[in-house]
N, C-alpha and C. Protein backbone atom coordinates (compact mmCIF):
# COMPACT_ATOMS: atom_id res chain seq x y z
N UNK A 1 109.13 189.21 -147.04
CA UNK A 1 107.46 189.92 -147.03
C UNK A 1 107.43 188.60 -145.72
N UNK A 2 106.07 189.27 -144.69
CA UNK A 2 106.27 188.05 -143.81
C UNK A 2 104.43 187.90 -144.10
N UNK A 3 104.34 186.49 -144.10
CA UNK A 3 103.33 186.22 -144.24
C UNK A 3 102.63 185.99 -142.96
N UNK A 4 101.11 186.37 -143.26
CA UNK A 4 100.38 185.75 -142.18
C UNK A 4 99.30 185.00 -141.77
N UNK A 5 99.31 183.93 -141.53
CA UNK A 5 98.12 182.65 -141.65
C UNK A 5 97.15 183.28 -140.40
N UNK A 6 95.89 182.37 -140.99
CA UNK A 6 94.89 181.93 -139.96
C UNK A 6 94.87 181.33 -139.20
N UNK A 7 94.92 181.95 -137.72
CA UNK A 7 94.94 180.61 -136.78
C UNK A 7 94.72 179.08 -136.86
N UNK A 8 93.64 178.82 -137.86
CA UNK A 8 92.86 178.11 -138.12
C UNK A 8 93.68 177.09 -138.88
N UNK A 9 94.54 177.53 -139.79
CA UNK A 9 95.13 177.11 -140.56
C UNK A 9 96.13 176.48 -139.96
N UNK A 10 96.67 176.76 -138.60
CA UNK A 10 97.92 176.13 -138.62
C UNK A 10 97.29 175.02 -137.29
N UNK A 11 95.94 175.26 -136.73
CA UNK A 11 95.24 174.16 -136.25
C UNK A 11 93.84 173.88 -136.77
N UNK A 12 93.83 172.34 -136.30
CA UNK A 12 92.58 171.52 -137.17
C UNK A 12 91.45 171.23 -136.20
N UNK A 13 90.57 172.09 -135.76
CA UNK A 13 90.29 172.24 -134.61
C UNK A 13 89.31 171.20 -134.91
N UNK A 14 88.60 170.17 -133.75
CA UNK A 14 87.58 168.99 -133.61
C UNK A 14 86.75 169.36 -132.75
N UNK A 15 85.22 169.64 -133.22
CA UNK A 15 84.85 169.91 -132.18
C UNK A 15 83.43 168.84 -132.08
N UNK A 16 82.95 168.86 -130.84
CA UNK A 16 82.09 167.38 -130.67
C UNK A 16 80.71 168.08 -131.28
N UNK A 17 80.07 166.91 -131.98
CA UNK A 17 78.59 167.12 -131.71
C UNK A 17 77.98 165.73 -131.38
N UNK A 18 76.85 166.52 -130.41
CA UNK A 18 76.42 165.49 -129.30
C UNK A 18 75.01 165.10 -129.96
N UNK A 19 75.12 163.50 -130.04
CA UNK A 19 73.60 162.96 -130.46
C UNK A 19 72.11 163.43 -129.78
N UNK A 20 71.32 162.94 -130.20
CA UNK A 20 69.63 163.72 -129.63
C UNK A 20 68.75 162.73 -130.24
N UNK A 21 67.89 161.85 -129.54
CA UNK A 21 67.74 160.78 -130.19
C UNK A 21 66.10 160.91 -131.00
N UNK A 22 65.69 162.14 -130.57
CA UNK A 22 64.67 162.49 -131.74
C UNK A 22 65.26 163.97 -132.39
N UNK A 23 64.78 164.24 -133.88
CA UNK A 23 64.33 165.48 -134.13
C UNK A 23 63.88 166.90 -133.60
N UNK A 24 64.59 167.62 -133.39
CA UNK A 24 63.55 169.19 -132.76
C UNK A 24 62.66 169.59 -133.35
N UNK A 25 61.67 169.75 -133.09
CA UNK A 25 60.44 170.28 -133.50
C UNK A 25 61.47 171.69 -134.48
N UNK A 26 60.74 171.84 -135.90
CA UNK A 26 60.38 172.88 -136.74
C UNK A 26 60.42 173.92 -136.38
N UNK A 27 60.58 174.83 -135.72
CA UNK A 27 59.68 176.01 -135.62
C UNK A 27 60.30 177.23 -135.22
N UNK A 28 61.93 177.36 -135.53
CA UNK A 28 62.68 178.26 -135.41
C UNK A 28 62.88 178.69 -134.12
N UNK A 29 62.09 178.27 -132.88
CA UNK A 29 62.50 178.57 -131.81
C UNK A 29 63.49 177.85 -131.23
N UNK A 30 64.49 177.89 -130.36
CA UNK A 30 65.57 177.17 -129.88
C UNK A 30 65.53 176.63 -128.36
N UNK A 31 64.61 176.61 -128.01
CA UNK A 31 63.96 175.86 -126.35
C UNK A 31 64.32 174.53 -126.86
N UNK A 32 64.56 173.41 -127.25
CA UNK A 32 65.09 172.48 -127.48
C UNK A 32 66.75 172.00 -127.41
N UNK A 33 67.31 173.27 -127.69
CA UNK A 33 68.90 173.41 -128.27
C UNK A 33 69.61 174.03 -126.33
N UNK A 34 69.78 172.92 -125.75
CA UNK A 34 70.85 173.57 -124.67
C UNK A 34 72.24 173.71 -124.85
N UNK A 35 72.98 174.17 -123.96
CA UNK A 35 74.65 174.34 -124.30
C UNK A 35 75.14 172.93 -124.69
N UNK A 36 74.93 172.34 -124.51
CA UNK A 36 75.59 170.97 -124.44
C UNK A 36 75.48 171.04 -126.12
N UNK A 37 74.57 171.48 -127.11
CA UNK A 37 74.54 171.38 -128.47
C UNK A 37 75.54 172.45 -129.11
N UNK A 38 75.73 173.51 -128.04
CA UNK A 38 76.40 174.27 -128.51
C UNK A 38 77.56 174.31 -129.67
N UNK A 39 78.04 174.64 -130.68
CA UNK A 39 79.74 174.64 -131.48
C UNK A 39 80.56 175.38 -130.86
N UNK A 40 81.98 175.19 -130.53
CA UNK A 40 82.76 176.51 -129.80
C UNK A 40 82.83 177.51 -130.58
N UNK A 41 83.52 179.07 -129.93
CA UNK A 41 83.14 179.92 -130.74
C UNK A 41 84.89 180.18 -131.39
N UNK A 42 85.02 179.26 -132.79
CA UNK A 42 86.33 179.49 -133.00
C UNK A 42 87.03 180.62 -133.82
N UNK A 43 85.72 181.65 -134.16
CA UNK A 43 86.21 182.97 -134.25
C UNK A 43 87.13 183.42 -133.35
N UNK A 44 86.88 183.37 -132.17
CA UNK A 44 88.04 183.56 -131.41
C UNK A 44 89.97 183.75 -131.42
N UNK A 45 89.67 182.36 -132.32
CA UNK A 45 91.26 182.23 -132.83
C UNK A 45 91.92 183.40 -133.48
N UNK A 46 90.64 183.85 -134.07
CA UNK A 46 91.45 184.86 -134.70
C UNK A 46 91.61 186.04 -134.38
N UNK A 47 90.80 186.44 -133.37
CA UNK A 47 90.51 187.48 -132.26
C UNK A 47 89.50 188.45 -132.74
N UNK A 48 88.32 187.21 -132.96
CA UNK A 48 87.58 188.23 -133.84
C UNK A 48 85.94 187.93 -132.41
N UNK A 49 84.85 188.73 -132.05
CA UNK A 49 83.98 188.36 -131.52
C UNK A 49 82.82 187.47 -132.55
N UNK A 50 82.68 186.48 -132.19
CA UNK A 50 81.58 185.46 -133.03
C UNK A 50 80.26 186.14 -132.26
N UNK A 51 79.64 187.09 -132.72
CA UNK A 51 78.02 187.67 -132.68
C UNK A 51 76.68 186.39 -132.74
N UNK A 52 77.37 185.15 -133.53
CA UNK A 52 75.64 184.54 -133.42
C UNK A 52 76.60 183.05 -133.07
N UNK A 53 75.61 182.45 -132.32
CA UNK A 53 75.56 181.64 -131.93
C UNK A 53 74.97 180.36 -132.43
N UNK A 54 76.00 178.77 -132.92
CA UNK A 54 75.60 178.38 -133.53
C UNK A 54 75.37 176.70 -132.47
N UNK A 55 74.60 176.07 -133.16
CA UNK A 55 74.03 174.35 -132.51
C UNK A 55 74.34 172.95 -133.31
N UNK A 56 74.33 172.20 -133.35
CA UNK A 56 74.64 170.95 -134.48
C UNK A 56 74.23 170.30 -133.27
N UNK A 57 73.43 168.71 -134.00
CA UNK A 57 72.96 167.79 -133.08
C UNK A 57 73.17 166.98 -134.56
N UNK A 58 72.88 165.46 -133.76
CA UNK A 58 73.27 164.12 -135.22
C UNK A 58 72.06 163.07 -134.32
N UNK A 59 71.79 162.35 -135.13
CA UNK A 59 71.24 160.81 -134.90
C UNK A 59 71.54 160.01 -136.56
N UNK A 60 70.74 158.96 -136.24
CA UNK A 60 70.59 158.15 -137.44
C UNK A 60 70.22 158.48 -138.57
N UNK A 61 68.97 159.33 -138.22
CA UNK A 61 68.17 159.69 -139.03
C UNK A 61 68.71 161.21 -140.12
N UNK A 62 69.50 161.65 -139.27
CA UNK A 62 69.92 162.92 -139.91
C UNK A 62 70.90 164.13 -138.84
N UNK A 63 71.23 165.45 -139.62
CA UNK A 63 71.90 166.41 -138.74
C UNK A 63 70.84 167.18 -138.70
N UNK A 64 71.43 168.41 -137.60
CA UNK A 64 70.40 169.25 -137.44
C UNK A 64 71.18 170.16 -136.59
N UNK A 65 71.00 171.56 -137.14
CA UNK A 65 71.39 173.03 -136.86
C UNK A 65 70.63 173.91 -136.46
N UNK A 66 71.21 174.81 -135.90
CA UNK A 66 70.31 175.67 -135.41
C UNK A 66 71.60 176.90 -135.01
N UNK A 67 70.82 178.39 -135.00
CA UNK A 67 71.75 179.34 -134.95
C UNK A 67 70.84 180.31 -134.33
N UNK A 68 71.56 181.07 -133.78
CA UNK A 68 70.69 182.53 -132.98
C UNK A 68 71.73 183.57 -133.13
N UNK A 69 70.88 184.76 -134.06
CA UNK A 69 71.86 185.97 -134.07
C UNK A 69 71.19 187.18 -134.06
N UNK A 70 71.88 187.82 -133.08
CA UNK A 70 71.20 189.29 -133.04
C UNK A 70 71.11 190.62 -134.40
N UNK A 71 70.39 191.14 -133.74
CA UNK A 71 70.40 192.01 -135.41
C UNK A 71 70.10 193.28 -134.66
N UNK A 72 70.30 194.26 -135.56
CA UNK A 72 70.78 195.59 -135.33
C UNK A 72 69.76 195.86 -136.09
N UNK A 73 68.79 195.80 -137.02
CA UNK A 73 68.23 196.06 -138.05
C UNK A 73 66.98 195.15 -138.30
N UNK A 74 66.03 194.96 -139.58
CA UNK A 74 65.52 193.76 -139.84
C UNK A 74 66.16 192.94 -140.01
N UNK A 75 66.22 191.57 -140.67
CA UNK A 75 66.66 190.97 -141.46
C UNK A 75 66.40 191.80 -143.10
N UNK A 76 67.32 191.42 -143.48
CA UNK A 76 67.04 191.78 -145.38
C UNK A 76 67.69 190.44 -145.83
N UNK A 77 67.07 190.31 -147.15
CA UNK A 77 67.08 188.57 -147.39
C UNK A 77 67.44 189.15 -149.41
N UNK A 78 68.20 188.04 -150.23
CA UNK A 78 68.40 188.67 -151.54
C UNK A 78 68.50 186.80 -152.39
N UNK A 79 67.19 186.26 -152.50
CA UNK A 79 67.01 185.16 -152.77
C UNK A 79 67.81 184.84 -154.55
N UNK A 80 68.11 186.09 -155.62
CA UNK A 80 68.94 185.75 -156.50
C UNK A 80 70.88 185.91 -155.99
N UNK A 81 70.89 186.75 -154.80
CA UNK A 81 71.99 186.82 -154.63
C UNK A 81 72.24 186.59 -153.38
N UNK A 82 72.18 184.93 -152.32
CA UNK A 82 72.07 185.02 -151.28
C UNK A 82 73.12 186.08 -150.20
N UNK A 83 74.27 185.83 -150.71
CA UNK A 83 75.47 186.52 -149.84
C UNK A 83 75.25 188.01 -150.02
N UNK A 84 74.48 188.63 -150.86
CA UNK A 84 74.16 190.36 -150.52
C UNK A 84 73.32 190.46 -149.20
N UNK A 85 72.49 189.60 -148.83
CA UNK A 85 71.43 190.39 -147.43
C UNK A 85 72.11 189.14 -146.55
N UNK A 86 71.49 188.81 -145.58
CA UNK A 86 71.51 187.85 -144.27
C UNK A 86 70.99 186.27 -145.11
N UNK A 87 72.23 185.67 -144.81
CA UNK A 87 71.94 183.94 -145.16
C UNK A 87 73.15 183.15 -144.67
N UNK A 88 72.78 182.37 -144.51
CA UNK A 88 74.16 180.94 -144.17
C UNK A 88 74.45 180.02 -145.32
N UNK A 89 75.81 180.25 -145.41
CA UNK A 89 76.55 179.31 -146.44
C UNK A 89 76.77 178.20 -145.44
N UNK A 90 76.24 176.80 -146.07
CA UNK A 90 76.76 175.74 -144.94
C UNK A 90 77.10 174.27 -145.96
N UNK A 91 78.48 174.14 -145.57
CA UNK A 91 79.78 173.26 -145.92
C UNK A 91 79.37 171.74 -145.16
N UNK A 92 79.09 170.74 -146.13
CA UNK A 92 79.33 169.35 -145.09
C UNK A 92 80.03 168.34 -146.03
N UNK A 93 80.96 167.79 -145.56
CA UNK A 93 81.69 166.84 -146.30
C UNK A 93 81.31 165.31 -145.05
N UNK A 94 80.48 164.59 -145.73
CA UNK A 94 79.90 163.23 -144.97
C UNK A 94 80.92 162.46 -144.92
N UNK A 95 81.88 162.48 -145.82
CA UNK A 95 83.30 161.62 -144.93
C UNK A 95 84.54 161.91 -144.13
N UNK A 96 84.51 163.22 -144.43
CA UNK A 96 86.02 164.10 -143.92
C UNK A 96 86.93 163.88 -144.22
N UNK A 97 86.91 164.00 -145.88
CA UNK A 97 87.86 163.70 -146.41
C UNK A 97 89.19 165.30 -146.86
N UNK A 98 89.61 165.28 -145.97
CA UNK A 98 90.55 165.97 -145.51
C UNK A 98 92.13 165.67 -146.76
N UNK A 99 92.24 165.15 -146.99
CA UNK A 99 93.36 165.09 -147.96
C UNK A 99 93.39 165.59 -149.51
N UNK A 100 91.66 165.81 -150.32
CA UNK A 100 91.75 166.20 -151.10
C UNK A 100 91.05 167.85 -151.43
N UNK A 101 91.78 168.49 -152.20
CA UNK A 101 91.60 169.98 -152.12
C UNK A 101 90.64 170.15 -153.30
N UNK A 102 89.66 168.96 -153.44
CA UNK A 102 88.98 169.29 -154.63
C UNK A 102 87.26 168.67 -153.77
N UNK A 103 85.96 169.11 -154.02
CA UNK A 103 85.40 168.54 -153.66
C UNK A 103 84.93 167.26 -154.11
N UNK A 104 84.41 166.12 -153.47
CA UNK A 104 83.87 164.95 -153.89
C UNK A 104 82.33 164.40 -153.98
N UNK A 105 81.72 163.52 -153.83
CA UNK A 105 80.40 163.49 -153.85
C UNK A 105 79.81 163.34 -152.83
N UNK A 106 80.57 163.40 -151.71
CA UNK A 106 80.25 163.39 -150.41
C UNK A 106 80.37 164.64 -150.09
N UNK A 107 80.54 165.81 -150.28
CA UNK A 107 80.66 167.40 -149.92
C UNK A 107 79.42 168.09 -151.00
N UNK A 108 79.11 168.32 -149.77
CA UNK A 108 77.53 169.11 -150.08
C UNK A 108 77.64 170.86 -149.69
N UNK A 109 76.82 171.51 -150.11
CA UNK A 109 76.71 173.01 -150.08
C UNK A 109 75.02 173.56 -149.70
N UNK A 110 74.56 173.68 -148.74
CA UNK A 110 73.45 174.83 -148.63
C UNK A 110 73.55 176.11 -148.33
N UNK A 111 72.83 176.74 -148.77
CA UNK A 111 72.48 177.81 -148.85
C UNK A 111 70.75 177.82 -147.98
N UNK A 112 71.09 178.71 -147.27
CA UNK A 112 69.95 178.64 -145.90
C UNK A 112 69.40 180.31 -145.70
N UNK A 113 68.34 180.86 -146.04
CA UNK A 113 67.53 182.12 -145.83
C UNK A 113 67.07 182.30 -144.74
N UNK A 114 67.23 183.39 -143.58
CA UNK A 114 65.84 183.26 -142.56
C UNK A 114 64.43 183.55 -142.81
N UNK A 115 64.42 184.25 -144.21
CA UNK A 115 63.24 184.79 -144.84
C UNK A 115 63.35 184.60 -146.41
N UNK A 116 62.30 184.91 -146.67
CA UNK A 116 62.01 185.24 -148.50
C UNK A 116 60.99 184.21 -148.87
N UNK A 117 60.95 183.01 -148.31
CA UNK A 117 59.78 181.99 -148.28
C UNK A 117 58.27 182.34 -147.81
N UNK A 118 57.23 181.31 -148.50
CA UNK A 118 55.89 181.78 -148.39
C UNK A 118 55.26 182.66 -149.13
N UNK A 119 53.97 182.94 -148.75
CA UNK A 119 53.29 183.88 -149.39
C UNK A 119 53.25 185.27 -148.96
N UNK A 120 53.88 185.26 -148.13
CA UNK A 120 54.14 186.57 -147.41
C UNK A 120 55.91 186.88 -147.20
N UNK A 121 56.63 186.12 -147.90
CA UNK A 121 57.86 186.19 -147.44
C UNK A 121 58.31 186.36 -146.14
N UNK A 122 58.14 185.41 -145.64
CA UNK A 122 58.53 185.77 -144.01
C UNK A 122 58.75 184.07 -143.79
N UNK A 123 59.37 182.93 -144.96
CA UNK A 123 59.42 182.03 -144.25
C UNK A 123 60.92 181.52 -144.67
N UNK A 124 61.87 180.93 -143.79
CA UNK A 124 63.05 180.44 -143.80
C UNK A 124 63.07 179.48 -145.58
N UNK A 125 63.91 179.35 -145.90
CA UNK A 125 64.56 179.06 -147.35
C UNK A 125 65.45 178.12 -147.11
N UNK A 126 65.98 176.23 -147.68
CA UNK A 126 66.92 176.44 -147.75
C UNK A 126 67.11 175.48 -149.38
N UNK A 127 68.25 175.43 -149.72
CA UNK A 127 68.30 175.01 -150.95
C UNK A 127 69.73 174.49 -151.19
N UNK A 128 69.96 173.33 -152.09
CA UNK A 128 71.04 172.84 -152.10
C UNK A 128 72.05 173.47 -153.40
N UNK A 129 72.90 173.61 -153.57
CA UNK A 129 73.99 174.33 -154.85
C UNK A 129 74.86 173.34 -154.91
N UNK A 130 75.11 173.51 -156.39
CA UNK A 130 76.52 172.14 -156.70
C UNK A 130 77.64 173.27 -156.30
N UNK A 131 78.64 172.34 -156.49
CA UNK A 131 80.32 172.86 -155.55
C UNK A 131 80.81 173.36 -156.99
N UNK A 132 81.35 174.10 -157.20
CA UNK A 132 82.54 174.64 -158.20
C UNK A 132 83.81 173.51 -158.38
N UNK A 133 84.16 173.23 -159.78
CA UNK A 133 85.57 172.30 -160.00
C UNK A 133 85.38 170.91 -158.55
N UNK A 134 84.17 171.02 -158.72
CA UNK A 134 84.08 169.27 -157.89
C UNK A 134 84.64 168.15 -158.81
N UNK A 135 85.25 167.57 -158.20
CA UNK A 135 85.53 166.40 -158.72
C UNK A 135 84.58 165.13 -159.48
N UNK A 136 83.17 165.28 -158.16
CA UNK A 136 82.31 164.80 -158.63
C UNK A 136 81.12 165.58 -157.82
N UNK A 137 80.15 165.27 -158.22
CA UNK A 137 79.22 166.17 -157.69
C UNK A 137 78.16 165.30 -156.64
N UNK A 138 77.94 165.76 -155.81
CA UNK A 138 76.68 165.14 -154.70
C UNK A 138 75.48 164.92 -154.94
N UNK A 139 74.45 164.12 -154.91
CA UNK A 139 73.67 164.45 -155.83
C UNK A 139 72.55 165.63 -155.07
N UNK A 140 71.43 166.12 -155.63
CA UNK A 140 71.05 167.07 -155.38
C UNK A 140 70.04 166.81 -154.14
N UNK A 141 69.34 166.52 -153.07
CA UNK A 141 68.65 166.29 -152.03
C UNK A 141 67.37 166.65 -152.72
N UNK A 142 66.13 166.26 -152.10
CA UNK A 142 64.63 166.39 -152.93
C UNK A 142 64.76 167.42 -151.21
N UNK A 143 63.60 168.17 -151.59
CA UNK A 143 63.37 169.40 -151.08
C UNK A 143 62.16 168.22 -149.57
N UNK A 144 61.85 167.58 -150.26
CA UNK A 144 61.22 166.80 -148.97
C UNK A 144 62.04 166.02 -147.69
N UNK A 145 63.42 165.92 -147.79
CA UNK A 145 64.54 165.55 -147.11
C UNK A 145 65.00 166.65 -146.48
N UNK A 146 64.78 167.90 -146.25
CA UNK A 146 64.96 168.85 -145.48
C UNK A 146 63.79 169.78 -145.06
N UNK A 147 63.79 170.32 -144.26
CA UNK A 147 63.37 171.06 -143.41
C UNK A 147 63.89 172.16 -142.54
N UNK A 148 63.31 173.52 -142.74
CA UNK A 148 64.04 174.95 -142.22
C UNK A 148 62.32 175.36 -141.62
N UNK A 149 62.89 176.40 -140.47
CA UNK A 149 62.03 177.07 -139.77
C UNK A 149 62.69 178.39 -139.51
N UNK A 150 62.40 179.37 -139.20
CA UNK A 150 62.78 180.47 -138.30
C UNK A 150 61.63 181.13 -137.86
N UNK A 151 62.41 182.07 -136.95
CA UNK A 151 62.07 183.25 -135.89
C UNK A 151 62.03 184.28 -135.97
N UNK A 152 61.18 185.34 -136.66
CA UNK A 152 62.09 186.82 -136.61
C UNK A 152 61.79 187.28 -135.45
N UNK A 153 62.61 188.23 -135.24
CA UNK A 153 62.29 189.16 -133.82
C UNK A 153 62.65 190.70 -134.27
N UNK A 154 62.15 191.34 -133.03
CA UNK A 154 62.87 192.77 -133.70
C UNK A 154 64.61 192.99 -133.15
N UNK A 155 64.69 192.20 -132.57
CA UNK A 155 66.12 192.58 -132.37
C UNK A 155 67.00 191.25 -132.73
N UNK A 156 66.77 190.35 -132.95
CA UNK A 156 67.27 188.74 -133.53
C UNK A 156 66.56 188.19 -134.71
N UNK A 157 67.56 186.80 -134.78
CA UNK A 157 66.29 185.87 -135.55
C UNK A 157 66.95 184.80 -135.25
N UNK A 158 65.93 183.58 -135.27
CA UNK A 158 66.84 182.32 -134.85
C UNK A 158 66.31 181.24 -136.05
N UNK A 159 67.02 180.26 -136.09
CA UNK A 159 66.74 179.16 -137.13
C UNK A 159 67.04 177.77 -136.71
N UNK A 160 66.44 177.14 -137.26
CA UNK A 160 66.57 175.66 -137.15
C UNK A 160 66.65 174.76 -138.64
N UNK A 161 67.41 174.05 -138.65
CA UNK A 161 67.33 173.06 -139.94
C UNK A 161 67.53 171.78 -140.02
N UNK A 162 66.77 170.75 -140.51
CA UNK A 162 67.18 169.65 -140.27
C UNK A 162 67.83 169.13 -141.69
N UNK A 163 68.56 167.73 -141.71
CA UNK A 163 68.60 167.60 -143.01
C UNK A 163 68.84 165.90 -142.85
N UNK A 164 68.09 165.19 -143.44
CA UNK A 164 67.44 163.94 -143.50
C UNK A 164 68.84 163.48 -143.89
N UNK A 165 68.73 162.30 -143.61
CA UNK A 165 70.29 160.92 -143.96
C UNK A 165 69.98 160.85 -145.69
N UNK A 166 68.96 161.03 -146.29
CA UNK A 166 68.52 160.78 -147.61
C UNK A 166 69.35 162.32 -148.54
N UNK A 167 69.22 163.27 -147.69
CA UNK A 167 69.40 164.79 -148.09
C UNK A 167 71.56 164.60 -147.78
N UNK A 168 72.08 163.88 -147.47
CA UNK A 168 73.50 163.75 -146.86
C UNK A 168 74.15 162.37 -147.70
N UNK A 169 74.45 162.66 -149.16
CA UNK A 169 74.94 161.52 -149.63
C UNK A 169 76.11 161.07 -148.62
N UNK A 170 76.55 160.08 -148.39
CA UNK A 170 77.50 159.32 -148.13
C UNK A 170 77.62 159.49 -146.44
N UNK A 171 76.04 160.05 -145.74
CA UNK A 171 76.19 160.27 -144.18
C UNK A 171 76.13 158.06 -143.86
N UNK A 172 76.76 158.30 -142.49
CA UNK A 172 76.80 156.74 -142.21
C UNK A 172 77.29 156.89 -140.98
N UNK A 173 76.47 157.64 -140.19
CA UNK A 173 77.15 158.02 -138.72
C UNK A 173 76.82 156.97 -137.60
N UNK A 174 78.19 157.13 -136.79
CA UNK A 174 78.06 156.07 -135.68
C UNK A 174 78.61 156.82 -134.87
N UNK A 175 78.56 156.71 -133.46
CA UNK A 175 79.51 157.79 -132.53
C UNK A 175 81.15 157.71 -132.76
N UNK A 176 81.61 158.31 -132.66
CA UNK A 176 83.04 158.27 -132.87
C UNK A 176 83.73 158.71 -134.18
N UNK A 177 82.28 158.81 -135.37
CA UNK A 177 82.50 159.10 -136.95
C UNK A 177 82.64 160.74 -136.87
N UNK A 178 83.45 161.26 -137.99
CA UNK A 178 83.64 162.55 -138.28
C UNK A 178 83.27 162.83 -139.82
N UNK A 179 82.79 164.31 -139.32
CA UNK A 179 82.48 165.03 -140.67
C UNK A 179 82.85 166.06 -141.08
N UNK A 180 83.36 166.78 -142.10
CA UNK A 180 83.87 168.14 -142.29
C UNK A 180 82.85 169.43 -142.28
N UNK A 181 83.00 170.50 -141.66
CA UNK A 181 81.90 171.45 -141.58
C UNK A 181 82.45 172.25 -141.58
N UNK A 182 81.88 173.47 -142.31
CA UNK A 182 82.43 174.78 -142.13
C UNK A 182 81.44 175.76 -142.59
N UNK A 183 80.74 176.28 -142.35
CA UNK A 183 80.17 177.75 -141.92
C UNK A 183 80.16 178.94 -142.26
N UNK A 184 79.74 179.69 -143.05
CA UNK A 184 79.57 180.97 -143.38
C UNK A 184 78.75 182.15 -143.37
N UNK A 185 79.08 183.28 -142.49
CA UNK A 185 76.83 183.19 -142.09
C UNK A 185 77.68 184.81 -142.55
N UNK A 186 76.29 185.54 -143.52
CA UNK A 186 76.34 186.69 -144.29
C UNK A 186 75.43 187.68 -143.62
N UNK A 187 76.02 189.16 -143.02
CA UNK A 187 74.89 189.70 -142.01
C UNK A 187 75.16 191.16 -142.81
N UNK A 188 73.84 191.48 -143.21
CA UNK A 188 74.10 192.74 -144.02
C UNK A 188 74.39 193.87 -142.95
N UNK A 189 74.24 193.71 -141.79
CA UNK A 189 75.37 194.95 -141.09
C UNK A 189 76.76 194.93 -140.77
N UNK A 190 76.74 193.25 -140.90
CA UNK A 190 78.45 192.94 -139.88
C UNK A 190 79.38 192.30 -140.76
N UNK A 191 78.52 192.19 -142.38
CA UNK A 191 79.73 191.35 -142.95
C UNK A 191 79.44 189.89 -142.85
N UNK A 192 80.68 189.17 -143.04
CA UNK A 192 80.80 187.71 -143.01
C UNK A 192 81.73 186.90 -141.64
N UNK A 193 80.90 186.34 -141.45
CA UNK A 193 81.51 185.58 -140.03
C UNK A 193 81.50 184.32 -140.81
N UNK A 194 82.86 183.87 -140.40
CA UNK A 194 83.52 182.56 -140.49
C UNK A 194 83.35 180.84 -139.29
N UNK A 195 83.07 179.92 -139.63
CA UNK A 195 83.20 178.88 -138.21
C UNK A 195 83.85 177.78 -138.95
N UNK A 196 85.02 177.35 -138.78
CA UNK A 196 85.58 176.49 -139.16
C UNK A 196 86.25 176.36 -140.68
N UNK A 197 86.35 177.84 -140.60
CA UNK A 197 87.36 177.44 -142.23
C UNK A 197 87.72 179.16 -141.98
N UNK A 198 88.49 180.30 -142.92
CA UNK A 198 88.58 181.04 -142.94
C UNK A 198 88.30 182.19 -143.98
N UNK A 199 88.31 182.91 -144.16
CA UNK A 199 88.11 184.22 -145.21
C UNK A 199 89.04 183.76 -146.38
N UNK A 200 90.59 183.70 -145.80
CA UNK A 200 91.82 183.42 -147.09
C UNK A 200 91.84 182.31 -147.65
N UNK A 201 90.80 181.13 -146.96
CA UNK A 201 90.73 179.96 -147.56
C UNK A 201 89.90 179.50 -148.85
N UNK A 202 90.23 178.59 -149.97
CA UNK A 202 88.82 178.38 -151.13
C UNK A 202 87.86 177.27 -150.63
N UNK A 203 87.15 178.07 -149.50
CA UNK A 203 86.55 177.20 -149.00
C UNK A 203 85.59 176.99 -149.76
N UNK A 204 84.93 177.61 -150.59
CA UNK A 204 83.98 177.47 -151.50
C UNK A 204 83.90 175.83 -152.16
N UNK A 205 85.13 175.43 -152.39
CA UNK A 205 85.55 174.52 -153.45
C UNK A 205 86.89 173.29 -152.83
N UNK A 206 87.22 173.74 -151.62
CA UNK A 206 88.28 173.12 -151.01
C UNK A 206 87.82 172.14 -149.70
N UNK A 207 87.20 171.11 -149.71
CA UNK A 207 86.91 170.34 -148.08
C UNK A 207 87.69 170.44 -147.06
N UNK A 208 88.99 170.52 -147.79
CA UNK A 208 90.01 170.71 -146.64
C UNK A 208 90.17 171.53 -146.03
N UNK A 209 90.01 172.31 -146.56
CA UNK A 209 89.82 173.71 -145.02
C UNK A 209 88.68 173.56 -144.55
N UNK A 210 87.69 172.82 -144.28
CA UNK A 210 86.74 172.77 -143.86
C UNK A 210 87.10 171.81 -142.38
N UNK A 211 86.51 171.74 -141.11
CA UNK A 211 87.03 171.53 -140.13
C UNK A 211 86.58 170.79 -139.80
N UNK A 212 86.80 169.82 -139.01
CA UNK A 212 86.73 168.38 -138.23
C UNK A 212 85.44 168.32 -137.02
N UNK A 213 84.07 167.53 -137.43
CA UNK A 213 83.28 167.22 -136.13
C UNK A 213 83.31 165.93 -136.14
N UNK A 214 83.42 165.31 -134.44
CA UNK A 214 83.22 164.21 -134.04
C UNK A 214 81.53 164.05 -133.27
N UNK A 215 81.04 163.04 -133.90
CA UNK A 215 79.55 162.75 -133.54
C UNK A 215 79.98 161.66 -132.35
N UNK A 216 79.42 162.56 -131.00
CA UNK A 216 79.66 161.77 -129.78
C UNK A 216 78.15 161.57 -128.85
N UNK A 217 78.41 160.33 -128.06
CA UNK A 217 76.86 160.24 -127.45
C UNK A 217 76.57 160.65 -125.98
């Protein structure tokens, strides 16, 4: 029997994350996100088209993520079961511990919804959830240390997320430092897309399956 391994299993990509001196304005618009912040399309390693675009930046006060997702229909979210609708799973290891197959207190899982919050259910939502079978669980972030915003359009949505240092246990950023990162985008029409990990991996609990991010200026 021939076993096919995802290309990302044979390679350990190291993507670069650019420094920005100030936190971008959290309004869901991507005007402050130039191509220098864009993450490479790792899904192309598996021969898949990565329809979404991801952006990442950092400074001493936190990490900042943005994404742009084309849509063929309206955004649909499920607050009780996020993966059943449009959502993003974000996994971060602030110490880039690639030798352990179980999460430590430096490993974080955030769930982001582009809608579902606010009085009219049109505002973005972010929450931290525990990682299953972790050796030690990361402290749960105070909601005041996380900010999220989205912009919903007829043919797409864009989203921005700011995670302050206080929300990322063990985050001690410096130029040349590394973190672990994996993204799982859930799309109600297209299914799941992975960045920095693969569907066949136990990515939800194993930080060694996440890709590496190098912090650069």
